[in-house]
């Protein structure tokens, strides 16, 4: 029994890229390009009214960024499968796309076979990141680990007390310090973690193994 082809919508701001993708994907019997768009607004109107198997989404669009588009699409179409396909290779952009719900991400220099594989994987509700993308994300994670700040013993103690919900005066009394000294430590901690308040500081500390 022949399976129905995976129906695809392409969203990319370059018509020549769209034509190239259409030609490439038509070479696979298991894939079918259902529609294509060069603007986010037109694409959003279409996918909100039509069932789509897989959406190939570029990051750079003239009216709405692909990062925001992913979120907007999935807000009304939670079953849609989105595959990011872009020249953008910055870890921060890829991570934002993933956070906003894309099931995979490929760079545009990927081969036809890899693109076909990625489409099939996300259609099956699996995630797929190209080899280059995996390398970018791994290197970014390693860099973040290196950049976790080093804390002194006193800073760690004060951080723990802050996490326990204690106020400046209570901490000062417990540590036999002045409130001004405690506040100085608090400011130094926030500066090291690049956060703006105690709640963010505690969250950061937990996420990075400082508590």
C-alpha atoms as a PDB file:
ATOM      1  CA  UNK A   1       0.000   0.000   0.000  1.00  0.00           C
ATOM      2  CA  UNK A   2       1.400   3.412  -1.020  1.00  0.00           C
ATOM      3  CA  UNK A   3       1.531   5.974   1.750  1.00  0.00           C
ATOM      4  CA  UNK A   4       0.273   9.506   1.232  1.00  0.00           C
ATOM      5  CA  UNK A   5       3.184  11.924   0.604  1.00  0.00           C
ATOM      6  CA  UNK A   6       4.194  14.269   3.416  1.00  0.00           C
ATOM      7  CA  UNK A   7       2.687  17.651   2.557  1.00  0.00           C
ATOM      8  CA  UNK A   8       5.064  20.563   3.026  1.00  0.00           C
ATOM      9  CA  UNK A   9       4.761  24.335   3.218  1.00  0.00           C
ATOM     10  CA  UNK A  10       7.870  26.432   2.592  1.00  0.00           C
ATOM     11  CA  UNK A  11       8.247  29.840   4.252  1.00  0.00           C
ATOM     12  CA  UNK A  12      11.305  31.709   2.967  1.00  0.00           C
ATOM     13  CA  UNK A  13      11.905  35.295   1.881  1.00  0.00           C
ATOM     14  CA  UNK A  14      13.922  34.327  -1.219  1.00  0.00           C
ATOM     15  CA  UNK A  15      11.861  33.146  -4.243  1.00  0.00           C
ATOM     16  CA  UNK A  16      14.950  31.507  -5.765  1.00  0.00           C
ATOM     17  CA  UNK A  17      15.463  29.459  -2.590  1.00  0.00           C
ATOM     18  CA  UNK A  18      11.820  28.390  -2.709  1.00  0.00           C
ATOM     19  CA  UNK A  19      12.156  27.325  -6.357  1.00  0.00           C
ATOM     20  CA  UNK A  20      15.293  25.375  -5.522  1.00  0.00           C
ATOM     21  CA  UNK A  21      13.615  23.628  -2.603  1.00  0.00           C
ATOM     22  CA  UNK A  22      10.549  22.768  -4.681  1.00  0.00           C
ATOM     23  CA  UNK A  23      12.721  21.224  -7.398  1.00  0.00           C
ATOM     24  CA  UNK A  24      14.781  19.350  -4.832  1.00  0.00           C
ATOM     25  CA  UNK A  25      11.811  17.996  -2.885  1.00  0.00           C
ATOM     26  CA  UNK A  26       9.935  16.926  -6.020  1.00  0.00           C
ATOM     27  CA  UNK A  27      12.711  14.384  -6.470  1.00  0.00           C
ATOM     28  CA  UNK A  28      11.315  12.416  -3.523  1.00  0.00           C
ATOM     29  CA  UNK A  29       8.028  10.527  -4.071  1.00  0.00           C
ATOM     30  CA  UNK A  30       7.369  10.582  -0.338  1.00  0.00           C
ATOM     31  CA  UNK A  31       7.308  14.406  -0.234  1.00  0.00           C
ATOM     32  CA  UNK A  32       4.954  16.970  -1.751  1.00  0.00           C
ATOM     33  CA  UNK A  33       5.192  20.789  -1.653  1.00  0.00           C
ATOM     34  CA  UNK A  34       1.655  21.950  -0.918  1.00  0.00           C
ATOM     35  CA  UNK A  35       2.306  25.706  -0.834  1.00  0.00           C
ATOM     36  CA  UNK A  36       4.981  28.347  -0.269  1.00  0.00           C
ATOM     37  CA  UNK A  37       5.199  31.913   1.032  1.00  0.00           C
ATOM     38  CA  UNK A  38       7.721  34.747   1.178  1.00  0.00           C
ATOM     39  CA  UNK A  39       6.070  36.602   4.098  1.00  0.00           C
ATOM     40  CA  UNK A  40       5.080  35.492   7.565  1.00  0.00           C
ATOM     41  CA  UNK A  41       1.668  37.154   7.472  1.00  0.00           C
ATOM     42  CA  UNK A  42       0.521  35.291   4.354  1.00  0.00           C
ATOM     43  CA  UNK A  43       1.922  32.020   5.625  1.00  0.00           C
ATOM     44  CA  UNK A  44       0.240  32.391   9.008  1.00  0.00           C
ATOM     45  CA  UNK A  45      -3.135  33.033   7.397  1.00  0.00           C
ATOM     46  CA  UNK A  46      -2.749  29.882   5.315  1.00  0.00           C
ATOM     47  CA  UNK A  47      -1.523  27.472   8.005  1.00  0.00           C
ATOM     48  CA  UNK A  48      -4.249  28.659  10.383  1.00  0.00           C
ATOM     49  CA  UNK A  49      -6.842  27.498   7.838  1.00  0.00           C
ATOM     50  CA  UNK A  50      -5.201  24.446   6.290  1.00  0.00           C
ATOM     51  CA  UNK A  51      -3.744  21.220   7.623  1.00  0.00           C
ATOM     52  CA  UNK A  52      -0.012  20.991   6.978  1.00  0.00           C
ATOM     53  CA  UNK A  53       2.289  18.066   7.731  1.00  0.00           C
ATOM     54  CA  UNK A  54       5.646  19.859   7.888  1.00  0.00           C
ATOM     55  CA  UNK A  55       6.576  23.537   7.637  1.00  0.00           C
ATOM     56  CA  UNK A  56      10.051  24.539   6.437  1.00  0.00           C
ATOM     57  CA  UNK A  57      10.653  27.863   8.172  1.00  0.00           C
ATOM     58  CA  UNK A  58      13.443  30.372   7.564  1.00  0.00           C
ATOM     59  CA  UNK A  59      14.570  32.684  10.376  1.00  0.00           C
ATOM     60  CA  UNK A  60      14.791  35.805   8.231  1.00  0.00           C
ATOM     61  CA  UNK A  61      11.400  36.996   6.945  1.00  0.00           C
ATOM     62  CA  UNK A  62      10.479  40.550   5.851  1.00  0.00           C
ATOM     63  CA  UNK A  63       7.601  41.085   8.274  1.00  0.00           C
ATOM     64  CA  UNK A  64       7.854  38.576  11.145  1.00  0.00           C
ATOM     65  CA  UNK A  65      10.980  36.764  12.327  1.00  0.00           C
ATOM     66  CA  UNK A  66      10.972  33.000  12.004  1.00  0.00           C
ATOM     67  CA  UNK A  67      11.538  32.841  15.758  1.00  0.00           C
ATOM     68  CA  UNK A  68       8.222  34.600  16.397  1.00  0.00           C
ATOM     69  CA  UNK A  69       6.522  32.765  13.532  1.00  0.00           C
ATOM     70  CA  UNK A  70       7.183  29.389  15.137  1.00  0.00           C
ATOM     71  CA  UNK A  71       5.431  30.505  18.292  1.00  0.00           C
ATOM     72  CA  UNK A  72       2.501  32.052  16.392  1.00  0.00           C
ATOM     73  CA  UNK A  73       1.999  28.963  14.244  1.00  0.00           C
ATOM     74  CA  UNK A  74       2.025  26.541  17.163  1.00  0.00           C
ATOM     75  CA  UNK A  75      -0.292  28.725  19.252  1.00  0.00           C
ATOM     76  CA  UNK A  76      -3.155  27.720  16.936  1.00  0.00           C
ATOM     77  CA  UNK A  77      -1.696  24.604  15.346  1.00  0.00           C
ATOM     78  CA  UNK A  78      -0.125  22.594  18.129  1.00  0.00           C
ATOM     79  CA  UNK A  79       0.071  19.510  15.899  1.00  0.00           C
ATOM     80  CA  UNK A  80       2.133  21.262  13.223  1.00  0.00           C
ATOM     81  CA  UNK A  81       5.713  20.089  12.777  1.00  0.00           C
ATOM     82  CA  UNK A  82       8.200  22.868  12.058  1.00  0.00           C
ATOM     83  CA  UNK A  83      11.696  22.377  10.673  1.00  0.00           C
ATOM     84  CA  UNK A  84      13.939  25.434  10.843  1.00  0.00           C
ATOM     85  CA  UNK A  85      15.899  25.834   7.597  1.00  0.00           C
ATOM     86  CA  UNK A  86      18.225  28.817   7.504  1.00  0.00           C
ATOM     87  CA  UNK A  87      21.704  30.188   6.923  1.00  0.00           C
ATOM     88  CA  UNK A  88      21.760  31.479  10.518  1.00  0.00           C
ATOM     89  CA  UNK A  89      24.231  29.398  12.515  1.00  0.00           C
ATOM     90  CA  UNK A  90      24.291  31.344  15.792  1.00  0.00           C
ATOM     91  CA  UNK A  91      23.580  29.151  18.821  1.00  0.00           C
ATOM     92  CA  UNK A  92      21.354  31.834  20.388  1.00  0.00           C
ATOM     93  CA  UNK A  93      19.043  31.926  17.354  1.00  0.00           C
ATOM     94  CA  UNK A  94      18.882  28.140  17.045  1.00  0.00           C
ATOM     95  CA  UNK A  95      18.106  27.867  20.763  1.00  0.00           C
ATOM     96  CA  UNK A  96      15.300  30.440  20.499  1.00  0.00           C
ATOM     97  CA  UNK A  97      13.772  28.521  17.591  1.00  0.00           C
ATOM     98  CA  UNK A  98      13.901  25.312  19.631  1.00  0.00           C
ATOM     99  CA  UNK A  99      12.348  27.034  22.666  1.00  0.00           C
ATOM    100  CA  UNK A 100       9.527  28.270  20.453  1.00  0.00           C
ATOM    101  CA  UNK A 101       8.697  24.756  19.340  1.00  0.00           C
ATOM    102  CA  UNK A 102      10.554  23.803  16.160  1.00  0.00           C
ATOM    103  CA  UNK A 103      11.170  20.062  15.972  1.00  0.00           C
ATOM    104  CA  UNK A 104      14.445  20.393  14.126  1.00  0.00           C
ATOM    105  CA  UNK A 105      16.925  22.767  12.547  1.00  0.00           C
ATOM    106  CA  UNK A 106      19.080  22.498   9.434  1.00  0.00           C
ATOM    107  CA  UNK A 107      21.473  24.872   7.747  1.00  0.00           C
ATOM    108  CA  UNK A 108      20.778  25.563   4.075  1.00  0.00           C
ATOM    109  CA  UNK A 109      23.986  23.846   3.009  1.00  0.00           C
ATOM    110  CA  UNK A 110      22.503  20.493   4.050  1.00  0.00           C
ATOM    111  CA  UNK A 111      22.272  17.806   1.368  1.00  0.00           C
ATOM    112  CA  UNK A 112      19.000  16.819  -0.303  1.00  0.00           C
ATOM    113  CA  UNK A 113      19.084  13.430   1.419  1.00  0.00           C
ATOM    114  CA  UNK A 114      19.587  15.001   4.842  1.00  0.00           C
ATOM    115  CA  UNK A 115      16.731  17.454   4.254  1.00  0.00           C
ATOM    116  CA  UNK A 116      14.459  14.571   3.268  1.00  0.00           C
ATOM    117  CA  UNK A 117      15.516  12.626   6.368  1.00  0.00           C
ATOM    118  CA  UNK A 118      14.937  15.657   8.610  1.00  0.00           C
ATOM    119  CA  UNK A 119      11.430  16.186   7.174  1.00  0.00           C
ATOM    120  CA  UNK A 120      10.531  12.541   7.763  1.00  0.00           C
ATOM    121  CA  UNK A 121      11.898  12.636  11.300  1.00  0.00           C
ATOM    122  CA  UNK A 122       9.979  15.736  12.401  1.00  0.00           C
ATOM    123  CA  UNK A 123       6.858  14.426  10.648  1.00  0.00           C
ATOM    124  CA  UNK A 124       7.163  11.323  12.851  1.00  0.00           C
ATOM    125  CA  UNK A 125       7.304  13.636  15.902  1.00  0.00           C
ATOM    126  CA  UNK A 126      11.026  13.109  16.393  1.00  0.00           C
ATOM    127  CA  UNK A 127      13.607  15.878  16.669  1.00  0.00           C
ATOM    128  CA  UNK A 128      16.335  16.355  14.092  1.00  0.00           C
ATOM    129  CA  UNK A 129      19.333  18.652  14.162  1.00  0.00           C
ATOM    130  CA  UNK A 130      21.946  18.566  11.410  1.00  0.00           C
ATOM    131  CA  UNK A 131      25.510  17.610  12.286  1.00  0.00           C
ATOM    132  CA  UNK A 132      26.685  21.218  12.020  1.00  0.00           C
ATOM    133  CA  UNK A 133      23.808  22.386  14.214  1.00  0.00           C
ATOM    134  CA  UNK A 134      24.601  19.761  16.857  1.00  0.00           C
ATOM    135  CA  UNK A 135      28.223  20.909  16.871  1.00  0.00           C
ATOM    136  CA  UNK A 136      27.185  24.567  17.265  1.00  0.00           C
ATOM    137  CA  UNK A 137      24.871  23.762  20.185  1.00  0.00           C
ATOM    138  CA  UNK A 138      27.432  21.508  21.891  1.00  0.00           C
ATOM    139  CA  UNK A 139      30.160  24.149  21.654  1.00  0.00           C
ATOM    140  CA  UNK A 140      27.761  26.782  22.971  1.00  0.00           C
ATOM    141  CA  UNK A 141      26.842  24.618  25.971  1.00  0.00           C
ATOM    142  CA  UNK A 142      30.524  23.963  26.711  1.00  0.00           C
ATOM    143  CA  UNK A 143      31.240  27.685  26.577  1.00  0.00           C
ATOM    144  CA  UNK A 144      28.354  28.430  28.959  1.00  0.00           C
ATOM    145  CA  UNK A 145      29.694  25.866  31.411  1.00  0.00           C
ATOM    146  CA  UNK A 146      33.129  27.502  31.321  1.00  0.00           C
ATOM    147  CA  UNK A 147      31.584  30.912  31.896  1.00  0.00           C
ATOM    148  CA  UNK A 148      29.735  29.952  35.105  1.00  0.00           C
ATOM    149  CA  UNK A 149      31.256  32.329  37.686  1.00  0.00           C
ATOM    150  CA  UNK A 150      33.519  31.187  40.502  1.00  0.00           C
ATOM    151  CA  UNK A 151      32.210  32.125  43.953  1.00  0.00           C
ATOM    152  CA  UNK A 152      34.134  32.619  47.166  1.00  0.00           C
ATOM    153  CA  UNK A 153      33.197  30.583  50.248  1.00  0.00           C
ATOM    154  CA  UNK A 154      31.539  33.652  51.781  1.00  0.00           C
ATOM    155  CA  UNK A 155      29.591  34.369  48.571  1.00  0.00           C
ATOM    156  CA  UNK A 156      28.349  30.782  48.488  1.00  0.00           C
ATOM    157  CA  UNK A 157      27.234  31.053  52.109  1.00  0.00           C
ATOM    158  CA  UNK A 158      25.386  34.320  51.463  1.00  0.00           C
ATOM    159  CA  UNK A 159      23.848  32.892  48.282  1.00  0.00           C
ATOM    160  CA  UNK A 160      22.495  29.933  50.250  1.00  0.00           C
ATOM    161  CA  UNK A 161      21.020  32.239  52.895  1.00  0.00           C
ATOM    162  CA  UNK A 162      19.373  34.364  50.196  1.00  0.00           C
ATOM    163  CA  UNK A 163      17.950  31.187  48.642  1.00  0.00           C
ATOM    164  CA  UNK A 164      16.595  30.295  52.086  1.00  0.00           C
ATOM    165  CA  UNK A 165      14.630  33.551  51.971  1.00  0.00           C
ATOM    166  CA  UNK A 166      16.608  35.460  54.571  1.00  0.00           C
ATOM    167  CA  UNK A 167      16.763  39.265  54.437  1.00  0.00           C
ATOM    168  CA  UNK A 168      19.880  41.420  54.503  1.00  0.00           C
ATOM    169  CA  UNK A 169      19.649  42.277  58.219  1.00  0.00           C
ATOM    170  CA  UNK A 170      19.125  38.626  59.184  1.00  0.00           C
ATOM    171  CA  UNK A 171      22.122  37.548  57.100  1.00  0.00           C
ATOM    172  CA  UNK A 172      24.255  40.324  58.577  1.00  0.00           C
ATOM    173  CA  UNK A 173      23.344  39.244  62.099  1.00  0.00           C
ATOM    174  CA  UNK A 174      24.035  35.573  61.380  1.00  0.00           C
ATOM    175  CA  UNK A 175      27.424  36.274  59.794  1.00  0.00           C
ATOM    176  CA  UNK A 176      28.441  39.037  62.228  1.00  0.00           C
ATOM    177  CA  UNK A 177      28.757  41.482  59.321  1.00  0.00           C
ATOM    178  CA  UNK A 178      27.233  44.871  58.695  1.00  0.00           C
ATOM    179  CA  UNK A 179      24.173  45.076  56.397  1.00  0.00           C
ATOM    180  CA  UNK A 180      26.303  47.198  54.048  1.00  0.00           C
ATOM    181  CA  UNK A 181      28.833  44.361  53.675  1.00  0.00           C
ATOM    182  CA  UNK A 182      26.054  41.874  52.946  1.00  0.00           C
ATOM    183  CA  UNK A 183      24.578  44.213  50.335  1.00  0.00           C
ATOM    184  CA  UNK A 184      27.984  44.523  48.724  1.00  0.00           C
ATOM    185  CA  UNK A 185      28.230  40.742  48.485  1.00  0.00           C
ATOM    186  CA  UNK A 186      24.689  40.604  47.077  1.00  0.00           C
ATOM    187  CA  UNK A 187      25.544  43.147  44.379  1.00  0.00           C
ATOM    188  CA  UNK A 188      28.734  41.280  43.518  1.00  0.00           C
ATOM    189  CA  UNK A 189      26.783  38.033  43.181  1.00  0.00           C
ATOM    190  CA  UNK A 190      24.210  39.612  40.872  1.00  0.00           C
ATOM    191  CA  UNK A 191      26.972  41.165  38.799  1.00  0.00           C
ATOM    192  CA  UNK A 192      28.816  37.851  38.462  1.00  0.00           C
ATOM    193  CA  UNK A 193      25.634  36.097  37.340  1.00  0.00           C
ATOM    194  CA  UNK A 194      24.425  39.022  35.221  1.00  0.00           C
ATOM    195  CA  UNK A 195      20.992  39.108  36.873  1.00  0.00           C
ATOM    196  CA  UNK A 196      18.926  41.976  38.254  1.00  0.00           C
ATOM    197  CA  UNK A 197      17.183  40.591  41.346  1.00  0.00           C
ATOM    198  CA  UNK A 198      17.325  37.876  43.998  1.00  0.00           C
ATOM    199  CA  UNK A 199      14.780  35.614  42.295  1.00  0.00           C
ATOM    200  CA  UNK A 200      16.799  35.566  39.063  1.00  0.00           C
ATOM    201  CA  UNK A 201      19.968  34.997  41.063  1.00  0.00           C
ATOM    202  CA  UNK A 202      18.578  31.930  42.824  1.00  0.00           C
ATOM    203  CA  UNK A 203      17.184  30.550  39.550  1.00  0.00           C
ATOM    204  CA  UNK A 204      20.548  31.012  37.833  1.00  0.00           C
ATOM    205  CA  UNK A 205      22.394  29.424  40.750  1.00  0.00           C
ATOM    206  CA  UNK A 206      20.156  26.345  40.696  1.00  0.00           C
ATOM    207  CA  UNK A 207      20.394  25.948  36.906  1.00  0.00           C
ATOM    208  CA  UNK A 208      24.181  26.192  36.988  1.00  0.00           C
ATOM    209  CA  UNK A 209      24.883  24.020  40.009  1.00  0.00           C
ATOM    210  CA  UNK A 210      25.872  26.830  42.371  1.00  0.00           C
ATOM    211  CA  UNK A 211      23.276  25.770  44.946  1.00  0.00           C
END
